[in-house]
Amino acid sequence: YTPQGQTITKEYYRDVLRRLRNAARRKRPELWSTGNWRIHHDNAPAHSSHLIQKFLAKNQTTVLQQEPYCPDMAPCDIWLFPKIKRPLKGARFQTREDIVAATTAEL
């Protein structure tokens, strides 16, 4: 989860990608060793910046690009988020931490 108040900059996103690569290496070594994994992200400025494109190319990371004229909706918006939201519908949370815990439990 992104810390509250954090702006998603290209530098912040690069750090997220570094953590993702390390997690993939540890948790899915069979995919890591074959290079058989991909990243899909939208056309947000932090995702399409030169810094990120250079980082991905340097690390030989395959990216599934979103079409440039596609509505700004990623596949997660269509299938993942509704599946998470359905069991949480109607629930009231006191704190942000409660929301994070409930969402993580659903994931």
Protein backbone atom coordinates (compact mmCIF):
# COMPACT_ATOMS: atom_id res chain seq x y z
CA TYR A 1 0.00 0.00 0.00
CA THR A 2 1.13 3.52 -0.73
CA PRO A 3 1.66 5.58 2.40
CA GLN A 4 -1.03 8.18 3.00
CA GLY A 5 -0.09 11.48 1.37
CA GLN A 6 2.57 9.90 -0.86
CA THR A 7 2.69 11.28 -4.39
CA ILE A 8 3.41 8.68 -7.07
CA THR A 9 6.48 10.05 -8.77
CA LYS A 10 8.75 8.30 -11.24
CA GLU A 11 11.34 7.82 -8.47
CA TYR A 12 8.77 6.32 -6.10
CA TYR A 13 7.49 4.02 -8.87
CA ARG A 14 11.05 2.90 -9.68
CA ASP A 15 11.45 1.85 -6.04
CA VAL A 16 8.16 -0.06 -6.23
CA LEU A 17 9.40 -1.86 -9.34
CA ARG A 18 12.65 -2.76 -7.58
CA ARG A 19 10.70 -4.29 -4.69
CA LEU A 20 8.42 -6.11 -7.16
CA ARG A 21 11.41 -7.59 -9.01
CA ASN A 22 12.96 -8.77 -5.75
CA ALA A 23 9.66 -10.29 -4.61
CA ALA A 24 9.22 -12.08 -7.96
CA ARG A 25 12.75 -13.43 -7.73
CA ARG A 26 12.11 -14.80 -4.21
CA LYS A 27 8.51 -15.96 -4.52
CA ARG A 28 8.35 -17.22 -8.12
CA PRO A 29 11.86 -18.47 -8.97
CA GLU A 30 10.53 -20.69 -11.76
CA LEU A 31 9.11 -17.66 -13.59
CA TRP A 32 12.10 -15.52 -12.72
CA SER A 33 14.64 -17.99 -14.11
CA THR A 34 12.83 -18.28 -17.45
CA GLY A 35 11.96 -14.59 -17.70
CA ASN A 36 8.36 -15.72 -18.20
CA TRP A 37 6.65 -12.88 -16.37
CA ARG A 38 5.40 -9.50 -17.47
CA ILE A 39 4.24 -6.19 -16.05
CA HIS A 40 1.12 -4.41 -17.17
CA HIS A 41 0.70 -0.79 -16.26
CA ASP A 42 -1.28 2.10 -17.64
CA ASN A 43 -0.09 5.29 -19.28
CA ALA A 44 0.28 7.31 -16.08
CA PRO A 45 3.12 9.82 -16.30
CA ALA A 46 5.12 8.00 -13.61
CA HIS A 47 4.79 4.74 -15.58
CA SER A 48 5.74 6.15 -18.95
CA SER A 49 8.61 8.39 -17.85
CA HIS A 50 12.04 8.04 -19.40
CA LEU A 51 13.48 6.99 -16.02
CA ILE A 52 11.06 4.04 -15.80
CA GLN A 53 11.47 3.02 -19.44
CA LYS A 54 15.25 3.04 -18.97
CA PHE A 55 14.97 1.00 -15.74
CA LEU A 56 12.75 -1.61 -17.41
CA ALA A 57 15.00 -1.87 -20.46
CA LYS A 58 18.14 -2.18 -18.29
CA ASN A 59 16.49 -5.00 -16.34
CA GLN A 60 15.07 -6.67 -19.47
CA THR A 61 11.53 -6.46 -18.12
CA THR A 62 8.74 -7.10 -20.60
CA VAL A 63 5.93 -4.58 -20.32
CA LEU A 64 2.45 -5.06 -21.72
CA GLN A 65 1.58 -1.51 -22.68
CA GLN A 66 -1.93 -0.16 -22.58
CA GLU A 67 -3.09 1.18 -25.90
CA PRO A 68 -2.60 4.95 -26.06
CA TYR A 69 -6.19 5.74 -27.01
CA CYS A 70 -7.81 3.19 -24.71
CA PRO A 71 -9.99 4.53 -21.89
CA ASP A 72 -7.96 4.99 -18.75
CA MET A 73 -9.07 1.69 -17.26
CA ALA A 74 -6.69 -1.13 -16.52
CA PRO A 75 -7.84 -4.79 -16.41
CA CYS A 76 -7.69 -4.69 -12.59
CA ASP A 77 -10.41 -2.03 -12.70
CA ILE A 78 -12.63 -4.47 -14.57
CA TRP A 79 -12.16 -7.81 -12.77
CA LEU A 80 -10.02 -7.54 -9.62
CA PHE A 81 -11.38 -4.51 -7.79
CA PRO A 82 -15.06 -5.58 -8.00
CA LYS A 83 -14.12 -9.00 -6.54
CA ILE A 84 -12.39 -7.29 -3.61
CA LYS A 85 -15.14 -4.71 -3.10
CA ARG A 86 -18.07 -7.16 -3.13
CA PRO A 87 -17.37 -8.81 0.27
CA LEU A 88 -16.52 -5.41 1.80
CA LYS A 89 -19.73 -3.75 0.61
CA GLY A 90 -21.59 -2.03 3.42
CA ALA A 91 -18.71 -2.38 5.89
CA ARG A 92 -17.69 0.69 7.86
CA PHE A 93 -14.08 1.23 8.86
CA GLN A 94 -12.76 3.44 11.64
CA THR A 95 -9.22 3.89 10.33
CA ARG A 96 -7.18 3.59 7.17
CA GLU A 97 -5.36 0.66 8.78
CA ASP A 98 -8.69 -1.17 9.14
CA ILE A 99 -9.31 -0.72 5.41
CA VAL A 100 -5.82 -1.98 4.55
CA ALA A 101 -6.26 -5.04 6.80
CA ALA A 102 -9.68 -5.93 5.34
CA THR A 103 -8.49 -5.45 1.75
CA THR A 104 -5.34 -7.50 2.36
CA ALA A 105 -7.43 -10.29 3.86
CA GLU A 106 -9.58 -10.36 0.72
CA LEU A 107 -6.53 -10.46 -1.54
